[in-house]
Amino acid sequence: MSDVGPTSDLRRTTLRCPFDNSYARLPDRFYARRDPTPVAEPRLVRLNVALAERLGLDPAALASPEGIAILAGNRVPEGAAPLALAYAGHQFGHFSPQLGDGRAILLGEIVAPDGARFDIQLKGSGPTPFSRNGDGRAALGPVLREYLISEAMAAFGIPTTRSLAAVTTGETVRRETRLPGAVLTRIATSHIRVGTFQYFAARGDTEAVRVLADHAIARHYPDAAAATQPYRTLLDGVVARQADLVARWLLVGFIHGVMNTDNTAVSGETIDYGPCAFMDAYDPATVFSSIDDYSRYAYGNQPGIAHWNLVRLAEALLPLLGADEASALAAAEAALGAFGPRFEAAWIGGLRHKIGLANEREGDGALVQGLLEAMKANGADFTLTFRRLCEAAAGSAGDAGVRALFADGTAYDSWAAGWRHRLQDEPAEPAVRAAAMRAVNPAVIPRNHRVEAALAAAVEHQDFGPFDALLDAVSRPFEDRPGLERYTEPPGPEERVCQTFCGT
């Protein structure tokens, strides 16, 4: 862990960042210009070297005292245009007309060597006009959680915001108790949310909705610009990406925790890793978030919530979707109607690959659903069941490992008989099939008990060893690596984590 002494100098630095701040060129009502608030004693906890290089940034410069000062918000890099974004949102179904970045500052947008554009945002960087009496700071535990989970999601191949760096601040923040403060540097293809559109729609500012839609098209859906109905094409694109995204995270047992419209990015990336978690034993009713009192965002509810959020986007876009109300409603309903089939195709298709089926056959949906029902009835671990099926696909000797996960092993036997009959229609050799299954069924996920133990060591004892070890384990989740077997195992009864908490 690198150290840099106290500083409160917000002078522009000469550290090279290839900024081109398109969002800052939008009208002033889209944001509030605000520099980060300096911290007392920034110390670098973790720097994502590979991501820095992907962005065209110099990791050594970022790890220098000048770089750490930027990552902490104590200095602003040359070319940045710091601002807090305005947005609204439905939070657990209740609409808040103004939310906005209350503890985050968008430093600006950089253009990577391949031409891709990314936001650089500091989370925990001090109060903004949207803070609503909050302190604008972040605690170390939630910062490390977001770093860990977002990088695991990236390793799974799921579209996600990323974490470039985490620094401690040398200050404490008051939540239920005094906690060490930290700042996360988050990378996203953008921070445009469904709630951003809602912010302007709620104010009757159709011109701002149009400007924002044009910006989103230019940034994420450039082909829509040439379409006959560009705003309908934008909506079609967001619907498709959200359907694919939620299917993909369900396939690894992820539960978002706060699937509010302000946490639904139009880019199709997973954003906001607050009270999120990964399921152990399979049960669609699983929910971890301590603030989800009515299980709105339980595992099995997430596809329906994604559709609900997209309806809110369509409502905001209605003035742009047709020449009159009837045509606009028809366009919105047609776009939204595509969500269900798109999601089902991605979900069932993903499950087919998880059980080794490369070719689609009638009855495959019932086959995978039968496995899930048997898993639920018998408390089988979601991740381990699919991972051990890889061995069973290679030969019947692997059945014992899967069978052991079921309270009643005959439930697996009954399902496996139908599965093996179906595999006879697949042309691949067993070893090839098993290898393909290992490429989509992770051996390692960020198990909740491991995450909590790593965060507790860092927060309570300033021991970042468990965090670094877990981060290394989830960075290559599809590999069986000797010495890391403990990260593949589900929690014992005394280790189970039943609740996760929002970091606000």
Protein backbone atom coordinates (compact mmCIF):
# COMPACT_ATOMS: atom_id res chain seq x y z
CA MET A 1 0.00 0.00 0.00
CA SER A 2 1.47 3.31 -1.11
CA ASP A 3 1.35 6.51 0.93
CA VAL A 4 1.18 10.18 0.08
CA GLY A 5 1.13 12.99 2.61
CA PRO A 6 -1.70 15.44 3.33
CA THR A 7 -2.59 17.96 0.67
CA SER A 8 -5.45 20.33 0.02
CA ASP A 9 -4.09 21.81 -3.22
CA LEU A 10 -6.68 21.60 -6.01
CA ARG A 11 -4.38 23.08 -8.64
CA ARG A 12 -4.56 21.48 -12.06
CA THR A 13 -1.89 18.86 -12.49
CA THR A 14 0.10 17.90 -15.56
CA LEU A 15 -0.62 14.15 -15.35
CA ARG A 16 -1.65 13.21 -18.89
CA CYS A 17 -5.24 12.03 -19.35
CA PRO A 18 -6.80 12.07 -22.85
CA PHE A 19 -9.97 13.98 -21.89
CA ASP A 20 -12.78 14.91 -24.25
CA ASN A 21 -15.74 15.88 -22.08
CA SER A 22 -18.85 15.60 -24.22
CA TYR A 23 -21.32 15.51 -21.30
CA ALA A 24 -19.89 18.75 -19.94
CA ARG A 25 -20.78 20.37 -23.26
CA LEU A 26 -24.48 19.67 -22.70
CA PRO A 27 -26.69 22.44 -21.23
CA ASP A 28 -25.98 23.52 -17.67
CA ARG A 29 -29.20 22.02 -16.30
CA PHE A 30 -27.81 18.54 -16.90
CA TYR A 31 -25.33 18.82 -14.02
CA ALA A 32 -23.74 20.97 -11.35
CA ARG A 33 -20.09 21.90 -11.78
CA ARG A 34 -18.23 20.95 -8.63
CA ASP A 35 -14.64 20.06 -7.79
CA PRO A 36 -13.94 17.15 -5.44
CA THR A 37 -13.39 18.00 -1.78
CA PRO A 38 -9.80 17.27 -0.66
CA VAL A 39 -9.10 14.61 1.96
CA ALA A 40 -6.58 14.62 4.77
CA GLU A 41 -4.20 11.76 4.03
CA PRO A 42 -4.80 9.71 0.88
CA ARG A 43 -3.24 6.27 0.64
CA LEU A 44 -3.47 3.95 -2.35
CA VAL A 45 -5.09 0.63 -1.49
CA ARG A 46 -5.45 -0.88 -4.95
CA LEU A 47 -4.71 0.19 -8.51
CA ASN A 48 -6.12 -1.76 -11.45
CA VAL A 49 -3.02 -1.81 -13.64
CA ALA A 50 -4.57 -3.76 -16.52
CA LEU A 51 -7.54 -1.40 -16.68
CA ALA A 52 -5.29 1.66 -16.54
CA GLU A 53 -3.36 0.36 -19.53
CA ARG A 54 -6.63 -0.39 -21.36
CA LEU A 55 -7.57 3.26 -20.87
CA GLY A 56 -4.22 4.52 -22.11
CA LEU A 57 -3.18 5.74 -18.66
CA ASP A 58 0.25 5.28 -17.10
CA PRO A 59 -0.07 3.02 -14.03
CA ALA A 60 3.21 4.25 -12.58
CA ALA A 61 2.06 7.85 -12.83
CA LEU A 62 -1.28 6.98 -11.18
CA ALA A 63 0.58 5.30 -8.32
CA SER A 64 2.82 8.35 -7.81
CA PRO A 65 1.99 10.96 -5.16
CA GLU A 66 0.54 13.21 -7.87
CA GLY A 67 -1.57 10.36 -9.24
CA ILE A 68 -2.84 9.36 -5.82
CA ALA A 69 -3.80 12.98 -5.15
CA ILE A 70 -5.97 12.85 -8.29
CA LEU A 71 -7.54 9.53 -7.33
CA ALA A 72 -8.39 10.96 -3.90
CA GLY A 73 -9.85 14.19 -5.30
CA ASN A 74 -7.10 16.39 -3.90
CA ARG A 75 -5.98 17.48 -7.35
CA VAL A 76 -7.79 17.80 -10.66
CA PRO A 77 -6.01 16.56 -13.78
CA GLU A 78 -5.47 18.91 -16.69
CA GLY A 79 -8.40 18.74 -19.11
CA ALA A 80 -10.93 17.46 -16.60
CA ALA A 81 -14.36 19.09 -16.21
CA PRO A 82 -15.58 17.97 -12.77
CA LEU A 83 -19.34 17.85 -12.33
CA ALA A 84 -22.15 16.08 -10.49
CA LEU A 85 -24.86 14.65 -12.74
CA ALA A 86 -28.53 15.42 -12.29
CA TYR A 87 -31.03 12.56 -12.37
CA ALA A 88 -34.23 11.31 -10.79
CA GLY A 89 -35.42 7.77 -10.17
CA HIS A 90 -37.87 5.25 -8.84
CA GLN A 91 -36.36 3.80 -5.68
CA PHE A 92 -38.13 0.61 -4.59
CA GLY A 93 -41.08 1.74 -6.70
CA HIS A 94 -41.35 5.27 -5.27
CA PHE A 95 -40.47 8.20 -7.50
CA SER A 96 -37.98 10.83 -6.36
CA PRO A 97 -37.96 13.72 -8.86
CA GLN A 98 -34.42 14.79 -7.90
CA LEU A 99 -31.60 12.51 -6.81
CA GLY A 100 -28.35 13.20 -8.64
CA ASP A 101 -24.74 12.50 -7.72
CA GLY A 102 -24.74 13.18 -4.01
CA ARG A 103 -21.33 11.67 -3.31
CA ALA A 104 -19.72 11.35 -6.70
CA ILE A 105 -17.91 13.65 -9.09
CA LEU A 106 -17.49 12.90 -12.79
CA LEU A 107 -13.96 14.08 -13.53
CA GLY A 108 -14.56 13.76 -17.25
CA GLU A 109 -14.41 11.43 -20.22
CA ILE A 110 -11.27 9.94 -21.66
CA VAL A 111 -10.76 8.40 -25.06
CA ALA A 112 -8.83 5.14 -24.96
CA PRO A 113 -6.21 4.21 -27.56
CA ASP A 114 -8.81 2.21 -29.50
CA GLY A 115 -11.17 5.19 -29.64
CA ALA A 116 -13.59 3.93 -26.97
CA ARG A 117 -14.92 6.57 -24.59
CA PHE A 118 -15.08 6.14 -20.81
CA ASP A 119 -16.21 8.19 -17.84
CA ILE A 120 -13.86 8.59 -14.89
CA GLN A 121 -15.85 9.17 -11.72
CA LEU A 122 -14.76 9.56 -8.10
CA LYS A 123 -17.20 8.06 -5.58
CA GLY A 124 -16.95 9.41 -2.04
CA SER A 125 -15.41 12.66 -3.25
CA GLY A 126 -17.40 15.07 -1.08
CA PRO A 127 -20.75 16.87 -1.04
CA THR A 128 -22.50 18.23 -4.10
CA PRO A 129 -25.72 20.21 -4.62
CA PHE A 130 -27.46 16.82 -4.82
CA SER A 131 -26.21 15.49 -1.46
CA ARG A 132 -29.52 16.09 0.40
CA ASN A 133 -27.72 16.83 3.69
CA GLY A 134 -25.37 13.87 3.23
CA ASP A 135 -21.64 14.11 3.79
CA GLY A 136 -20.77 13.10 0.23
CA ARG A 137 -18.26 10.58 1.49
CA ALA A 138 -17.91 6.81 1.25
CA ALA A 139 -16.79 4.24 3.78
CA LEU A 140 -13.97 1.81 3.05
CA GLY A 141 -16.12 -1.33 3.19
CA PRO A 142 -18.56 -0.35 0.41
CA VAL A 143 -15.69 0.95 -1.73
CA LEU A 144 -13.88 -2.38 -1.49
CA ARG A 145 -17.14 -4.28 -2.11
CA GLU A 146 -17.76 -2.38 -5.35
CA TYR A 147 -14.16 -2.86 -6.45
CA LEU A 148 -14.31 -6.59 -5.79
CA ILE A 149 -17.76 -7.33 -7.24
CA SER A 150 -17.40 -5.12 -10.32
CA GLU A 151 -14.09 -6.75 -11.23
CA ALA A 152 -15.59 -10.21 -10.70
CA MET A 153 -18.46 -9.31 -13.03
CA ALA A 154 -15.96 -8.13 -15.63
CA ALA A 155 -14.11 -11.45 -15.30
CA PHE A 156 -17.41 -13.28 -15.88
CA GLY A 157 -17.76 -11.31 -19.13
CA ILE A 158 -20.83 -9.40 -17.93
CA PRO A 159 -21.09 -5.75 -19.05
CA THR A 160 -20.27 -3.67 -15.99
CA THR A 161 -18.78 -0.51 -14.64
CA ARG A 162 -15.19 -1.10 -13.54
CA SER A 163 -12.95 -0.06 -10.68
CA LEU A 164 -9.69 1.70 -11.47
CA ALA A 165 -8.51 2.46 -7.95
CA ALA A 166 -9.39 2.61 -4.27
CA VAL A 167 -7.76 5.00 -1.83
CA THR A 168 -8.28 5.58 1.86
CA THR A 169 -8.70 9.17 2.98
CA GLY A 170 -7.17 9.33 6.45
CA GLU A 171 -10.59 10.51 7.66
CA THR A 172 -13.59 8.78 9.17
CA VAL A 173 -17.23 8.89 8.12
CA ARG A 174 -20.16 8.51 10.47
CA ARG A 175 -22.70 5.86 9.65
CA GLU A 176 -23.98 3.67 12.49
CA THR A 177 -20.44 4.03 13.85
CA ARG A 178 -17.27 5.82 12.81
CA LEU A 179 -15.73 4.08 9.79
CA PRO A 180 -12.59 4.68 7.75
CA GLY A 181 -13.29 6.76 4.65
CA ALA A 182 -12.30 5.91 1.09
CA VAL A 183 -12.72 7.02 -2.51
CA LEU A 184 -13.39 4.70 -5.45
CA THR A 185 -12.44 5.59 -9.01
CA ARG A 186 -15.19 4.13 -11.16
CA ILE A 187 -14.97 3.65 -14.93
CA ALA A 188 -18.10 3.44 -17.10
CA THR A 189 -18.92 3.81 -20.75
CA SER A 190 -21.27 6.48 -19.42
CA HIS A 191 -23.38 7.31 -16.36
CA ILE A 192 -26.59 8.00 -18.31
CA ARG A 193 -29.44 6.31 -16.48
CA VAL A 194 -33.14 5.71 -16.99
CA GLY A 195 -33.45 8.17 -14.12
CA THR A 196 -31.60 10.82 -16.13
CA PHE A 197 -34.39 10.76 -18.68
CA GLN A 198 -36.97 10.76 -15.90
CA TYR A 199 -35.41 13.87 -14.37
CA PHE A 200 -36.24 15.98 -17.41
CA ALA A 201 -39.51 14.24 -18.27
CA ALA A 202 -40.82 14.97 -14.76
CA ARG A 203 -40.13 18.66 -15.38
CA GLY A 204 -41.88 18.65 -18.75
CA ASP A 205 -38.56 19.54 -20.37
CA THR A 206 -39.04 17.73 -23.67
CA GLU A 207 -36.17 19.59 -25.28
CA ALA A 208 -33.77 18.27 -22.63
CA VAL A 209 -35.12 14.73 -23.14
CA ARG A 210 -34.38 15.13 -26.84
CA VAL A 211 -30.87 16.48 -26.23
CA LEU A 212 -30.16 13.62 -23.82
CA ALA A 213 -31.52 11.05 -26.26
CA ASP A 214 -29.34 12.44 -29.04
CA HIS A 215 -26.33 12.27 -26.72
CA ALA A 216 -27.11 8.66 -25.75
CA ILE A 217 -27.49 7.71 -29.41
CA ALA A 218 -24.17 9.29 -30.32
CA ARG A 219 -22.42 7.62 -27.43
CA HIS A 220 -23.99 4.15 -27.31
CA TYR A 221 -26.25 3.51 -30.31
CA PRO A 222 -24.72 5.38 -33.26
CA ASP A 223 -26.58 3.28 -35.84
CA ALA A 224 -29.85 4.71 -34.49
CA ALA A 225 -28.91 8.16 -35.80
CA ALA A 226 -29.53 7.02 -39.38
CA ALA A 227 -32.72 5.10 -38.56
CA THR A 228 -36.14 6.25 -39.76
CA GLN A 229 -37.24 6.49 -36.12
CA PRO A 230 -34.03 7.13 -34.15
CA TYR A 231 -35.67 7.42 -30.73
CA ARG A 232 -37.63 4.23 -31.20
CA THR A 233 -34.39 2.57 -32.29
CA LEU A 234 -32.72 3.91 -29.14
CA LEU A 235 -35.46 2.38 -27.01
CA ASP A 236 -35.19 -0.91 -28.90
CA GLY A 237 -31.45 -0.97 -28.19
CA VAL A 238 -31.79 -0.29 -24.48
CA VAL A 239 -34.50 -2.96 -24.17
CA ALA A 240 -32.30 -5.54 -25.89
CA ARG A 241 -29.22 -4.76 -23.82
CA GLN A 242 -31.10 -4.83 -20.53
CA ALA A 243 -32.74 -8.15 -21.40
CA ASP A 244 -29.35 -9.67 -22.21
CA LEU A 245 -27.69 -8.11 -19.18
CA VAL A 246 -30.14 -9.40 -16.58
CA ALA A 247 -30.14 -12.87 -18.14
CA ARG A 248 -26.35 -12.95 -17.99
CA TRP A 249 -26.13 -11.95 -14.34
CA LEU A 250 -28.88 -14.43 -13.38
CA LEU A 251 -26.77 -17.16 -14.97
CA VAL A 252 -24.07 -16.59 -12.31
CA GLY A 253 -26.54 -16.21 -9.43
CA PHE A 254 -26.15 -12.45 -9.00
CA ILE A 255 -28.73 -10.40 -7.09
CA HIS A 256 -28.42 -6.67 -7.71
CA GLY A 257 -30.03 -5.40 -4.51
CA VAL A 258 -31.10 -1.93 -5.70
CA MET A 259 -32.49 -2.25 -9.24
CA ASN A 260 -33.89 1.27 -9.11
CA THR A 261 -34.32 3.28 -12.29
CA ASP A 262 -31.43 5.50 -11.23
CA ASN A 263 -29.28 2.35 -11.19
CA THR A 264 -30.32 1.26 -14.68
CA ALA A 265 -27.74 2.44 -17.21
CA VAL A 266 -28.86 2.92 -20.81
CA SER A 267 -25.46 1.62 -21.92
CA GLY A 268 -26.44 -1.87 -20.76
CA GLU A 269 -23.77 -2.03 -18.04
CA THR A 270 -24.35 -3.19 -14.49
CA ILE A 271 -24.04 -0.14 -12.25
CA ASP A 272 -24.10 0.32 -8.47
CA TYR A 273 -22.82 -2.47 -6.25
CA GLY A 274 -24.46 -1.56 -2.96
CA PRO A 275 -26.28 -4.36 -1.10
CA CYS A 276 -25.67 -6.88 -3.89
CA ALA A 277 -24.79 -10.53 -3.36
CA PHE A 278 -24.43 -13.91 -5.01
CA MET A 279 -26.81 -16.74 -4.28
CA ASP A 280 -25.52 -19.88 -2.57
CA ALA A 281 -28.32 -22.48 -2.49
CA TYR A 282 -30.69 -21.95 -5.42
CA ASP A 283 -33.98 -20.30 -4.54
CA PRO A 284 -35.68 -17.66 -6.74
CA ALA A 285 -36.98 -15.93 -3.59
CA THR A 286 -33.45 -15.20 -2.36
CA VAL A 287 -32.89 -11.60 -1.30
CA PHE A 288 -30.04 -10.15 0.74
CA SER A 289 -30.49 -6.38 0.78
CA SER A 290 -31.30 -5.07 4.25
CA ILE A 291 -33.36 -2.25 2.72
CA ASP A 292 -35.45 -4.48 0.42
CA ASP A 293 -38.22 -5.02 2.95
CA TYR A 294 -40.69 -6.52 0.48
CA SER A 295 -38.24 -8.56 -1.62
CA ARG A 296 -38.87 -6.37 -4.64
CA TYR A 297 -35.44 -7.19 -6.07
CA ALA A 298 -35.27 -10.88 -5.14
CA TYR A 299 -33.38 -13.09 -7.57
CA GLY A 300 -36.46 -14.33 -9.43
CA ASN A 301 -38.05 -10.88 -9.62
CA GLN A 302 -35.21 -9.23 -11.51
CA PRO A 303 -36.45 -9.83 -15.08
CA GLY A 304 -39.82 -8.32 -14.23
CA ILE A 305 -38.19 -5.34 -12.53
CA ALA A 306 -35.93 -4.76 -15.54
CA HIS A 307 -39.04 -4.62 -17.73
CA TRP A 308 -40.75 -2.28 -15.25
CA ASN A 309 -37.75 0.06 -15.35
CA LEU A 310 -37.82 0.05 -19.14
CA VAL A 311 -41.49 1.04 -19.08
CA ARG A 312 -40.42 4.09 -17.12
CA LEU A 313 -37.84 4.90 -19.81
CA ALA A 314 -40.48 4.53 -22.51
CA GLU A 315 -42.75 6.92 -20.61
CA ALA A 316 -39.99 9.53 -20.53
CA LEU A 317 -39.35 9.10 -24.26
CA LEU A 318 -43.02 9.19 -25.32
CA PRO A 319 -42.93 12.76 -26.71
CA LEU A 320 -40.17 11.63 -29.09
CA LEU A 321 -41.69 8.33 -30.19
CA GLY A 322 -44.54 9.46 -32.41
CA ALA A 323 -46.33 12.36 -34.04
CA ASP A 324 -49.30 11.88 -31.71
CA GLU A 325 -50.07 10.05 -28.47
CA ALA A 326 -51.52 6.98 -30.17
CA SER A 327 -48.54 6.41 -32.43
CA ALA A 328 -46.10 7.08 -29.58
CA LEU A 329 -47.85 4.55 -27.32
CA ALA A 330 -47.89 1.99 -30.10
CA ALA A 331 -44.15 2.43 -30.67
CA ALA A 332 -43.42 2.14 -26.94
CA GLU A 333 -45.55 -0.97 -26.54
CA ALA A 334 -43.91 -2.64 -29.53
CA ALA A 335 -40.43 -1.91 -28.19
CA LEU A 336 -41.29 -3.12 -24.69
CA GLY A 337 -42.97 -6.23 -26.07
CA ALA A 338 -39.62 -7.42 -27.36
CA PHE A 339 -38.18 -7.66 -23.84
CA GLY A 340 -39.79 -10.97 -22.85
CA PRO A 341 -38.75 -12.99 -25.90
CA ARG A 342 -35.26 -11.46 -25.87
CA PHE A 343 -34.78 -12.26 -22.19
CA GLU A 344 -36.12 -15.81 -22.50
CA ALA A 345 -33.84 -16.53 -25.44
CA ALA A 346 -30.80 -15.28 -23.51
CA TRP A 347 -31.79 -17.02 -20.27
CA ILE A 348 -32.74 -20.41 -21.69
CA GLY A 349 -29.88 -20.25 -24.18
CA GLY A 350 -27.44 -19.57 -21.37
CA LEU A 351 -28.82 -22.42 -19.26
CA ARG A 352 -28.55 -24.79 -22.21
CA HIS A 353 -24.86 -23.97 -22.53
CA LYS A 354 -24.40 -24.40 -18.78
CA ILE A 355 -25.62 -28.02 -19.05
CA GLY A 356 -23.64 -28.76 -22.20
CA LEU A 357 -26.23 -28.39 -24.94
CA ALA A 358 -24.84 -26.70 -28.03
CA ASN A 359 -27.86 -27.35 -30.26
CA GLU A 360 -31.38 -26.21 -29.55
CA ARG A 361 -34.06 -28.91 -29.26
CA GLU A 362 -37.72 -28.85 -28.27
CA GLY A 363 -38.00 -29.61 -24.58
CA ASP A 364 -34.69 -28.00 -23.58
CA GLY A 365 -36.49 -25.33 -21.59
CA ALA A 366 -38.37 -27.96 -19.58
CA LEU A 367 -35.14 -29.86 -19.01
CA VAL A 368 -33.27 -26.92 -17.50
CA GLN A 369 -36.32 -25.84 -15.53
CA GLY A 370 -36.53 -29.35 -14.09
CA LEU A 371 -32.96 -29.05 -12.86
CA LEU A 372 -33.66 -25.70 -11.19
CA GLU A 373 -36.75 -27.07 -9.48
CA ALA A 374 -34.81 -30.06 -8.17
CA MET A 375 -32.05 -27.74 -6.94
CA LYS A 376 -34.54 -25.55 -5.09
CA ALA A 377 -36.33 -28.49 -3.50
CA ASN A 378 -33.04 -29.99 -2.31
CA GLY A 379 -31.01 -26.94 -1.28
CA ALA A 380 -28.37 -27.49 -3.96
CA ASP A 381 -25.72 -24.82 -4.33
CA PHE A 382 -26.23 -22.90 -7.58
CA THR A 383 -22.60 -22.39 -8.58
CA LEU A 384 -21.28 -25.78 -7.46
CA THR A 385 -24.10 -27.73 -9.10
CA PHE A 386 -23.32 -26.34 -12.53
CA ARG A 387 -19.55 -26.56 -12.04
CA ARG A 388 -19.71 -30.19 -10.98
CA LEU A 389 -21.99 -30.96 -13.90
CA CYS A 390 -18.92 -30.28 -16.04
CA GLU A 391 -17.32 -33.41 -14.56
CA ALA A 392 -20.54 -35.38 -14.95
CA ALA A 393 -20.66 -34.37 -18.60
CA ALA A 394 -17.22 -35.87 -19.07
CA GLY A 395 -18.39 -39.21 -17.68
CA SER A 396 -20.84 -40.80 -15.26
CA ALA A 397 -18.10 -41.00 -12.63
CA GLY A 398 -18.72 -37.30 -12.07
CA ASP A 399 -22.31 -37.86 -10.99
CA ALA A 400 -21.38 -38.51 -7.38
CA GLY A 401 -20.05 -34.99 -6.87
CA VAL A 402 -23.26 -33.42 -8.14
CA ARG A 403 -25.49 -35.89 -6.32
CA ALA A 404 -23.86 -35.00 -3.00
CA LEU A 405 -25.16 -31.43 -3.29
CA PHE A 406 -28.80 -32.55 -3.22
CA ALA A 407 -30.57 -33.33 0.07
CA ASP A 408 -32.24 -36.20 -1.76
CA GLY A 409 -29.76 -37.57 -4.26
CA THR A 410 -32.47 -39.43 -6.16
CA ALA A 411 -33.80 -36.06 -7.34
CA TYR A 412 -30.55 -35.57 -9.22
CA ASP A 413 -30.57 -39.15 -10.48
CA SER A 414 -34.02 -38.70 -11.96
CA TRP A 415 -33.08 -35.47 -13.71
CA ALA A 416 -29.69 -36.78 -14.88
CA ALA A 417 -31.31 -39.70 -16.68
CA GLY A 418 -33.21 -37.29 -18.94
CA TRP A 419 -30.12 -35.12 -19.32
CA ARG A 420 -27.92 -37.98 -20.48
CA HIS A 421 -30.59 -39.06 -22.95
CA ARG A 422 -30.65 -35.52 -24.35
CA LEU A 423 -26.83 -35.42 -24.57
CA GLN A 424 -27.00 -38.27 -27.08
CA ASP A 425 -28.23 -35.70 -29.60
CA GLU A 426 -25.09 -33.60 -29.12
CA PRO A 427 -22.18 -34.26 -31.50
CA ALA A 428 -19.30 -33.11 -29.27
CA GLU A 429 -17.05 -35.58 -27.52
CA PRO A 430 -17.54 -35.66 -23.72
CA ALA A 431 -14.18 -34.04 -22.98
CA VAL A 432 -14.87 -31.21 -25.44
CA ARG A 433 -18.35 -30.72 -23.99
CA ALA A 434 -16.97 -30.57 -20.45
CA ALA A 435 -14.38 -27.98 -21.45
CA ALA A 436 -17.08 -25.82 -23.06
CA MET A 437 -19.15 -26.06 -19.89
CA ARG A 438 -16.21 -25.00 -17.72
CA ALA A 439 -15.91 -21.86 -19.85
CA VAL A 440 -19.40 -20.72 -18.82
CA ASN A 441 -19.77 -22.19 -15.31
CA PRO A 442 -17.48 -20.37 -12.87
CA ALA A 443 -15.63 -22.32 -10.23
CA VAL A 444 -15.24 -19.18 -8.12
CA ILE A 445 -17.72 -16.44 -7.34
CA PRO A 446 -17.39 -13.73 -4.67
CA ARG A 447 -19.05 -15.85 -1.98
CA ASN A 448 -20.77 -13.57 0.49
CA HIS A 449 -19.03 -14.99 3.54
CA ARG A 450 -15.64 -14.52 1.86
CA VAL A 451 -16.50 -10.96 0.86
CA GLU A 452 -17.62 -10.04 4.35
CA ALA A 453 -14.52 -11.58 5.92
CA ALA A 454 -12.25 -9.68 3.52
CA LEU A 455 -14.03 -6.38 4.19
CA ALA A 456 -13.97 -6.91 7.95
CA ALA A 457 -10.20 -7.57 7.89
CA ALA A 458 -9.60 -4.37 5.91
CA VAL A 459 -11.95 -2.13 7.89
CA GLU A 460 -11.30 -3.43 11.38
CA HIS A 461 -7.63 -4.41 11.20
CA GLN A 462 -6.26 -2.56 8.13
CA ASP A 463 -5.35 -5.99 6.77
CA PHE A 464 -5.86 -5.99 3.00
CA GLY A 465 -4.40 -9.45 2.47
CA PRO A 466 -7.76 -11.27 2.42
CA PHE A 467 -9.16 -8.67 0.00
CA ASP A 468 -6.22 -9.05 -2.37
CA ALA A 469 -6.41 -12.84 -2.21
CA LEU A 470 -10.13 -12.89 -2.94
CA LEU A 471 -9.73 -10.38 -5.75
CA ASP A 472 -7.08 -12.60 -7.30
CA ALA A 473 -9.34 -15.65 -6.98
CA VAL A 474 -12.35 -14.03 -8.70
CA SER A 475 -10.21 -12.49 -11.44
CA ARG A 476 -9.86 -15.92 -13.09
CA PRO A 477 -13.18 -17.48 -12.12
CA PHE A 478 -13.34 -20.27 -14.70
CA GLU A 479 -10.05 -21.90 -13.71
CA ASP A 480 -9.44 -24.65 -11.17
CA ARG A 481 -6.33 -23.36 -9.44
CA PRO A 482 -4.56 -25.47 -6.84
CA GLY A 483 -4.49 -23.82 -3.43
CA LEU A 484 -7.67 -21.81 -4.03
CA GLU A 485 -10.17 -24.58 -3.32
CA ARG A 486 -11.53 -22.71 -0.28
CA TYR A 487 -12.97 -20.05 -2.56
CA THR A 488 -15.10 -22.61 -4.39
CA GLU A 489 -16.88 -23.95 -1.32
CA PRO A 490 -20.24 -22.67 -0.03
CA PRO A 491 -20.46 -21.34 3.51
CA GLY A 492 -20.96 -23.56 6.50
CA PRO A 493 -24.09 -22.97 8.59
CA GLU A 494 -22.23 -20.61 10.90
CA GLU A 495 -20.72 -18.66 7.97
CA ARG A 496 -23.90 -17.83 6.07
CA VAL A 497 -24.52 -14.18 5.28
CA CYS A 498 -28.23 -13.39 5.33
CA GLN A 499 -28.11 -9.62 4.79
CA THR A 500 -25.99 -7.12 2.90
CA PHE A 501 -26.10 -3.39 3.50
CA CYS A 502 -26.23 -0.21 1.45
CA GLY A 503 -23.04 1.83 1.63
CA THR A 504 -24.74 5.22 1.67
